[in-house]
Amino acid sequence: MADERWIIAGLGNPGPAYAGNRHNAGQMVLASLSERMGARFKAHRTRNDIAEGRLAGQPVTLARPQAYMNLSGGPVAALVAFYKLPAQRLVVLHDELDIPFGSVRLKFGGGDNGHNGLRSVTASLGTRDYYRVRFGIGRPPGRMDPATFVLRDFTPAERGELPFAIDRCADATEAVITKGLTEAQNTYHTDPV
């Protein structure tokens, strides 16, 4: 393959009002990856803020779509097209309700599990064949509407654990692009102790 570049897109909602929301966990992990790369985000014509560099020796473009979660597929697909890459070179970082807080799950392809950001990415790409790094946020308490829950900030107790969970998710993302999905799953599909 001529270009071994990976695109890693962190899903979330733009703007400071949403920055600490559970729904922005993907962008929190993306920020950690940009720090590891020593790269800064800049605006790109594909409606993403991007940061470019090397991550674990791999050429990487980090992408933060400048669209709300349920419209994030357009910017992500535009960036994949800009680099003329197959969808298989895309890793999407996102929050996941059906996984306990702080856990990481990795997969390739599959459905969107009711996640509007994934639904938008799949529709815009025209394929489900891309990697997903799922950051567990847990289920809402009681009868709280999941749509309300994802737009709330992490609790104080969760915020204490958040840096470790973000770091673990960033490590898992690096493992996907350097060691492959199976080895990354074998390492990270254990819940943090």
C-alpha atoms as a PDB file:
ATOM      1  CA  MET A   1       0.000   0.000   0.000  1.00  0.00           C
ATOM      2  CA  ALA A   2       1.462   3.338  -1.060  1.00  0.00           C
ATOM      3  CA  ASP A   3       0.079   5.329   1.858  1.00  0.00           C
ATOM      4  CA  GLU A   4       0.120   3.555   5.209  1.00  0.00           C
ATOM      5  CA  ARG A   5      -1.606   6.511   6.869  1.00  0.00           C
ATOM      6  CA  TRP A   6      -4.340   5.966   9.431  1.00  0.00           C
ATOM      7  CA  ILE A   7      -7.163   8.386  10.135  1.00  0.00           C
ATOM      8  CA  ILE A   8      -8.318   8.366  13.740  1.00  0.00           C
ATOM      9  CA  ALA A   9     -11.574  10.278  14.230  1.00  0.00           C
ATOM     10  CA  GLY A  10     -12.854  11.193  17.675  1.00  0.00           C
ATOM     11  CA  LEU A  11     -16.617  11.678  17.761  1.00  0.00           C
ATOM     12  CA  GLY A  12     -18.314  14.306  19.898  1.00  0.00           C
ATOM     13  CA  ASN A  13     -20.125  17.614  19.796  1.00  0.00           C
ATOM     14  CA  PRO A  14     -18.218  20.843  19.060  1.00  0.00           C
ATOM     15  CA  GLY A  15     -17.862  23.697  21.506  1.00  0.00           C
ATOM     16  CA  PRO A  16     -16.967  24.190  25.164  1.00  0.00           C
ATOM     17  CA  ALA A  17     -20.528  23.520  26.408  1.00  0.00           C
ATOM     18  CA  TYR A  18     -20.155  19.851  25.396  1.00  0.00           C
ATOM     19  CA  ALA A  19     -16.455  19.330  26.149  1.00  0.00           C
ATOM     20  CA  GLY A  20     -16.947  17.370  29.403  1.00  0.00           C
ATOM     21  CA  ASN A  21     -19.979  15.345  28.260  1.00  0.00           C
ATOM     22  CA  ARG A  22     -19.911  11.552  28.166  1.00  0.00           C
ATOM     23  CA  HIS A  23     -20.763  11.808  24.460  1.00  0.00           C
ATOM     24  CA  ASN A  24     -17.398  13.516  23.916  1.00  0.00           C
ATOM     25  CA  ALA A  25     -15.307  10.641  25.283  1.00  0.00           C
ATOM     26  CA  GLY A  26     -14.002   9.962  21.753  1.00  0.00           C
ATOM     27  CA  GLN A  27     -12.679  13.503  21.485  1.00  0.00           C
ATOM     28  CA  MET A  28     -11.120  13.243  24.949  1.00  0.00           C
ATOM     29  CA  VAL A  29      -9.128  10.194  23.800  1.00  0.00           C
ATOM     30  CA  LEU A  30      -8.224  12.041  20.585  1.00  0.00           C
ATOM     31  CA  ALA A  31      -6.805  14.924  22.650  1.00  0.00           C
ATOM     32  CA  SER A  32      -4.639  12.441  24.553  1.00  0.00           C
ATOM     33  CA  LEU A  33      -3.349  10.974  21.282  1.00  0.00           C
ATOM     34  CA  SER A  34      -2.491  14.456  19.955  1.00  0.00           C
ATOM     35  CA  GLU A  35      -0.454  15.113  23.127  1.00  0.00           C
ATOM     36  CA  ARG A  36       1.440  11.854  22.588  1.00  0.00           C
ATOM     37  CA  MET A  37       2.184  12.942  19.015  1.00  0.00           C
ATOM     38  CA  GLY A  38       3.123  16.470  20.029  1.00  0.00           C
ATOM     39  CA  ALA A  39       0.715  17.699  17.343  1.00  0.00           C
ATOM     40  CA  ARG A  40      -1.703  20.624  17.373  1.00  0.00           C
ATOM     41  CA  PHE A  41      -5.108  20.720  15.727  1.00  0.00           C
ATOM     42  CA  LYS A  42      -5.756  23.073  12.828  1.00  0.00           C
ATOM     43  CA  ALA A  43      -8.794  23.680  10.672  1.00  0.00           C
ATOM     44  CA  HIS A  44      -9.038  21.634   7.474  1.00  0.00           C
ATOM     45  CA  ARG A  45     -11.256  22.178   4.437  1.00  0.00           C
ATOM     46  CA  THR A  46     -13.076  18.874   5.125  1.00  0.00           C
ATOM     47  CA  ARG A  47     -14.820  20.451   8.166  1.00  0.00           C
ATOM     48  CA  ASN A  48     -12.499  18.691  10.603  1.00  0.00           C
ATOM     49  CA  ASP A  49      -9.844  20.024  12.900  1.00  0.00           C
ATOM     50  CA  ILE A  50      -6.868  17.786  12.176  1.00  0.00           C
ATOM     51  CA  ALA A  51      -3.496  17.032  13.751  1.00  0.00           C
ATOM     52  CA  GLU A  52      -0.876  15.143  11.769  1.00  0.00           C
ATOM     53  CA  GLY A  53       2.216  13.248  12.790  1.00  0.00           C
ATOM     54  CA  ARG A  54       3.394   9.816  13.821  1.00  0.00           C
ATOM     55  CA  LEU A  55       1.860   7.663  16.514  1.00  0.00           C
ATOM     56  CA  ALA A  56       3.753   4.539  17.569  1.00  0.00           C
ATOM     57  CA  GLY A  57       5.749   4.912  14.333  1.00  0.00           C
ATOM     58  CA  GLN A  58       2.659   5.055  12.094  1.00  0.00           C
ATOM     59  CA  PRO A  59       1.696   8.111   9.998  1.00  0.00           C
ATOM     60  CA  VAL A  60      -1.583   9.336  11.465  1.00  0.00           C
ATOM     61  CA  THR A  61      -4.130  12.085  10.919  1.00  0.00           C
ATOM     62  CA  LEU A  62      -6.262  12.778  13.959  1.00  0.00           C
ATOM     63  CA  ALA A  63      -9.667  14.220  13.084  1.00  0.00           C
ATOM     64  CA  ARG A  64     -12.150  16.130  15.211  1.00  0.00           C
ATOM     65  CA  PRO A  65     -15.295  16.645  13.083  1.00  0.00           C
ATOM     66  CA  GLN A  66     -16.659  20.172  13.305  1.00  0.00           C
ATOM     67  CA  ALA A  67     -20.254  18.991  13.189  1.00  0.00           C
ATOM     68  CA  TYR A  68     -22.662  17.737  15.808  1.00  0.00           C
ATOM     69  CA  MET A  69     -22.437  14.046  16.647  1.00  0.00           C
ATOM     70  CA  ASN A  70     -25.345  12.932  14.444  1.00  0.00           C
ATOM     71  CA  LEU A  71     -23.837  14.763  11.425  1.00  0.00           C
ATOM     72  CA  SER A  72     -20.205  13.803  11.969  1.00  0.00           C
ATOM     73  CA  GLY A  73     -20.127  11.294   9.105  1.00  0.00           C
ATOM     74  CA  GLY A  74     -19.896  13.978   6.419  1.00  0.00           C
ATOM     75  CA  PRO A  75     -16.613  15.463   7.665  1.00  0.00           C
ATOM     76  CA  VAL A  76     -15.146  12.015   8.436  1.00  0.00           C
ATOM     77  CA  ALA A  77     -15.994  10.660   4.960  1.00  0.00           C
ATOM     78  CA  ALA A  78     -14.658  13.863   3.353  1.00  0.00           C
ATOM     79  CA  LEU A  79     -11.307  13.377   5.089  1.00  0.00           C
ATOM     80  CA  VAL A  80     -11.093   9.707   4.067  1.00  0.00           C
ATOM     81  CA  ALA A  81     -11.778  10.819   0.463  1.00  0.00           C
ATOM     82  CA  PHE A  82      -9.240  13.688   0.737  1.00  0.00           C
ATOM     83  CA  TYR A  83      -6.476  11.185   1.538  1.00  0.00           C
ATOM     84  CA  LYS A  84      -7.859   8.652  -0.968  1.00  0.00           C
ATOM     85  CA  LEU A  85      -7.829   5.956   1.693  1.00  0.00           C
ATOM     86  CA  PRO A  86     -10.063   2.914   2.029  1.00  0.00           C
ATOM     87  CA  ALA A  87     -12.447   2.918   5.001  1.00  0.00           C
ATOM     88  CA  GLN A  88     -10.316   0.103   6.461  1.00  0.00           C
ATOM     89  CA  ARG A  89      -7.674   2.748   7.345  1.00  0.00           C
ATOM     90  CA  LEU A  90     -10.172   4.585   9.585  1.00  0.00           C
ATOM     91  CA  VAL A  91     -10.464   4.203  13.356  1.00  0.00           C
ATOM     92  CA  VAL A  92     -13.467   5.851  15.019  1.00  0.00           C
ATOM     93  CA  LEU A  93     -13.290   6.632  18.752  1.00  0.00           C
ATOM     94  CA  HIS A  94     -16.688   6.886  20.431  1.00  0.00           C
ATOM     95  CA  ASP A  95     -18.620   6.541  23.678  1.00  0.00           C
ATOM     96  CA  GLU A  96     -20.595   3.337  24.290  1.00  0.00           C
ATOM     97  CA  LEU A  97     -23.539   2.959  26.688  1.00  0.00           C
ATOM     98  CA  ASP A  98     -23.513  -0.841  26.782  1.00  0.00           C
ATOM     99  CA  ILE A  99     -19.983  -1.093  28.172  1.00  0.00           C
ATOM    100  CA  PRO A 100     -19.126  -0.381  31.841  1.00  0.00           C
ATOM    101  CA  PHE A 101     -17.464   2.945  32.574  1.00  0.00           C
ATOM    102  CA  GLY A 102     -13.727   2.835  31.884  1.00  0.00           C
ATOM    103  CA  SER A 103     -13.796  -0.368  29.832  1.00  0.00           C
ATOM    104  CA  VAL A 104     -12.572  -0.454  26.240  1.00  0.00           C
ATOM    105  CA  ARG A 105     -13.906  -2.638  23.436  1.00  0.00           C
ATOM    106  CA  LEU A 106     -12.452  -2.858  19.933  1.00  0.00           C
ATOM    107  CA  LYS A 107     -14.105  -4.093  16.783  1.00  0.00           C
ATOM    108  CA  PHE A 108     -14.127  -3.923  13.014  1.00  0.00           C
ATOM    109  CA  GLY A 109     -17.396  -3.408  11.171  1.00  0.00           C
ATOM    110  CA  GLY A 110     -20.815  -4.249  12.568  1.00  0.00           C
ATOM    111  CA  GLY A 111     -23.860  -2.188  13.388  1.00  0.00           C
ATOM    112  CA  ASP A 112     -24.175   1.170  15.109  1.00  0.00           C
ATOM    113  CA  ASN A 113     -25.978  -0.084  18.260  1.00  0.00           C
ATOM    114  CA  GLY A 114     -28.194   3.022  18.229  1.00  0.00           C
ATOM    115  CA  HIS A 115     -25.200   5.400  18.219  1.00  0.00           C
ATOM    116  CA  ASN A 116     -26.106   8.360  15.988  1.00  0.00           C
ATOM    117  CA  GLY A 117     -22.488   9.289  15.318  1.00  0.00           C
ATOM    118  CA  LEU A 118     -21.672   5.800  14.026  1.00  0.00           C
ATOM    119  CA  ARG A 119     -24.883   5.741  12.020  1.00  0.00           C
ATOM    120  CA  SER A 120     -23.807   9.008  10.338  1.00  0.00           C
ATOM    121  CA  VAL A 121     -20.258   7.754   9.642  1.00  0.00           C
ATOM    122  CA  THR A 122     -21.529   4.477   8.150  1.00  0.00           C
ATOM    123  CA  ALA A 123     -24.108   6.264   5.973  1.00  0.00           C
ATOM    124  CA  SER A 124     -21.551   8.800   4.719  1.00  0.00           C
ATOM    125  CA  LEU A 125     -18.865   6.205   3.994  1.00  0.00           C
ATOM    126  CA  GLY A 126     -21.335   3.755   2.470  1.00  0.00           C
ATOM    127  CA  THR A 127     -19.715   0.906   4.438  1.00  0.00           C
ATOM    128  CA  ARG A 128     -19.500  -0.491   7.961  1.00  0.00           C
ATOM    129  CA  ASP A 129     -15.963  -1.736   7.345  1.00  0.00           C
ATOM    130  CA  TYR A 130     -13.926   0.506   9.619  1.00  0.00           C
ATOM    131  CA  TYR A 131     -12.418   0.088  13.081  1.00  0.00           C
ATOM    132  CA  ARG A 132     -14.193   1.243  16.225  1.00  0.00           C
ATOM    133  CA  VAL A 133     -12.627   1.920  19.599  1.00  0.00           C
ATOM    134  CA  ARG A 134     -15.494   2.001  22.078  1.00  0.00           C
ATOM    135  CA  PHE A 135     -15.076   3.894  25.360  1.00  0.00           C
ATOM    136  CA  GLY A 136     -17.438   2.540  28.005  1.00  0.00           C
ATOM    137  CA  ILE A 137     -19.618   5.144  29.716  1.00  0.00           C
ATOM    138  CA  GLY A 138     -22.093   2.721  31.333  1.00  0.00           C
ATOM    139  CA  ARG A 139     -25.885   2.833  31.400  1.00  0.00           C
ATOM    140  CA  PRO A 140     -27.922   5.764  32.737  1.00  0.00           C
ATOM    141  CA  PRO A 141     -29.170   5.475  36.313  1.00  0.00           C
ATOM    142  CA  GLY A 142     -32.794   4.551  36.974  1.00  0.00           C
ATOM    143  CA  ARG A 143     -35.091   5.539  34.149  1.00  0.00           C
ATOM    144  CA  MET A 144     -33.000   8.416  32.826  1.00  0.00           C
ATOM    145  CA  ASP A 145     -33.269   8.826  29.071  1.00  0.00           C
ATOM    146  CA  PRO A 146     -29.997   7.699  27.431  1.00  0.00           C
ATOM    147  CA  ALA A 147     -30.070  10.845  25.242  1.00  0.00           C
ATOM    148  CA  THR A 148     -30.008  12.965  28.415  1.00  0.00           C
ATOM    149  CA  PHE A 149     -27.342  10.802  30.046  1.00  0.00           C
ATOM    150  CA  VAL A 150     -24.810  11.058  27.196  1.00  0.00           C
ATOM    151  CA  LEU A 151     -25.088  14.866  27.196  1.00  0.00           C
ATOM    152  CA  ARG A 152     -24.222  15.088  30.895  1.00  0.00           C
ATOM    153  CA  ASP A 153     -20.712  15.486  32.251  1.00  0.00           C
ATOM    154  CA  PHE A 154     -19.006  12.613  34.013  1.00  0.00           C
ATOM    155  CA  THR A 155     -19.694  12.423  37.768  1.00  0.00           C
ATOM    156  CA  PRO A 156     -17.002  13.579  40.229  1.00  0.00           C
ATOM    157  CA  ALA A 157     -16.148   9.926  41.015  1.00  0.00           C
ATOM    158  CA  GLU A 158     -15.870   9.133  37.292  1.00  0.00           C
ATOM    159  CA  ARG A 159     -13.748  12.243  36.696  1.00  0.00           C
ATOM    160  CA  GLY A 160     -11.246  10.864  39.226  1.00  0.00           C
ATOM    161  CA  GLU A 161     -10.845   7.726  37.089  1.00  0.00           C
ATOM    162  CA  LEU A 162     -11.216   9.455  33.704  1.00  0.00           C
ATOM    163  CA  PRO A 163      -7.515  10.193  33.008  1.00  0.00           C
ATOM    164  CA  PHE A 164      -6.671   6.493  33.490  1.00  0.00           C
ATOM    165  CA  ALA A 165      -9.590   5.357  31.319  1.00  0.00           C
ATOM    166  CA  ILE A 166      -8.654   7.828  28.563  1.00  0.00           C
ATOM    167  CA  ASP A 167      -5.024   6.670  28.685  1.00  0.00           C
ATOM    168  CA  ARG A 168      -6.048   3.015  28.439  1.00  0.00           C
ATOM    169  CA  CYS A 169      -8.304   3.792  25.466  1.00  0.00           C
ATOM    170  CA  ALA A 170      -5.471   5.716  23.770  1.00  0.00           C
ATOM    171  CA  ASP A 171      -3.148   2.728  24.368  1.00  0.00           C
ATOM    172  CA  ALA A 172      -5.766   0.412  22.826  1.00  0.00           C
ATOM    173  CA  THR A 173      -6.031   2.695  19.782  1.00  0.00           C
ATOM    174  CA  GLU A 174      -2.262   2.563  19.287  1.00  0.00           C
ATOM    175  CA  ALA A 175      -2.384  -1.237  19.596  1.00  0.00           C
ATOM    176  CA  VAL A 176      -5.040  -1.503  16.856  1.00  0.00           C
ATOM    177  CA  ILE A 177      -2.879   0.371  14.334  1.00  0.00           C
ATOM    178  CA  THR A 178       0.426  -1.279  15.284  1.00  0.00           C
ATOM    179  CA  LYS A 179      -0.408  -4.834  16.385  1.00  0.00           C
ATOM    180  CA  GLY A 180      -3.732  -5.502  14.686  1.00  0.00           C
ATOM    181  CA  LEU A 181      -7.225  -6.034  16.025  1.00  0.00           C
ATOM    182  CA  THR A 182      -6.878  -9.545  17.465  1.00  0.00           C
ATOM    183  CA  GLU A 183      -3.796  -8.798  19.557  1.00  0.00           C
ATOM    184  CA  ALA A 184      -5.275  -5.479  20.706  1.00  0.00           C
ATOM    185  CA  GLN A 185      -8.513  -7.215  21.739  1.00  0.00           C
ATOM    186  CA  ASN A 186      -6.583  -9.877  23.651  1.00  0.00           C
ATOM    187  CA  THR A 187      -4.796  -7.149  25.598  1.00  0.00           C
ATOM    188  CA  TYR A 188      -7.608  -4.636  26.191  1.00  0.00           C
ATOM    189  CA  HIS A 189     -10.800  -6.678  26.421  1.00  0.00           C
ATOM    190  CA  THR A 190     -10.249  -7.080  30.131  1.00  0.00           C
ATOM    191  CA  ASP A 191     -11.872  -4.636  32.476  1.00  0.00           C
ATOM    192  CA  PRO A 192      -9.535  -2.290  34.340  1.00  0.00           C
ATOM    193  CA  VAL A 193      -8.699  -3.384  37.871  1.00  0.00           C
END
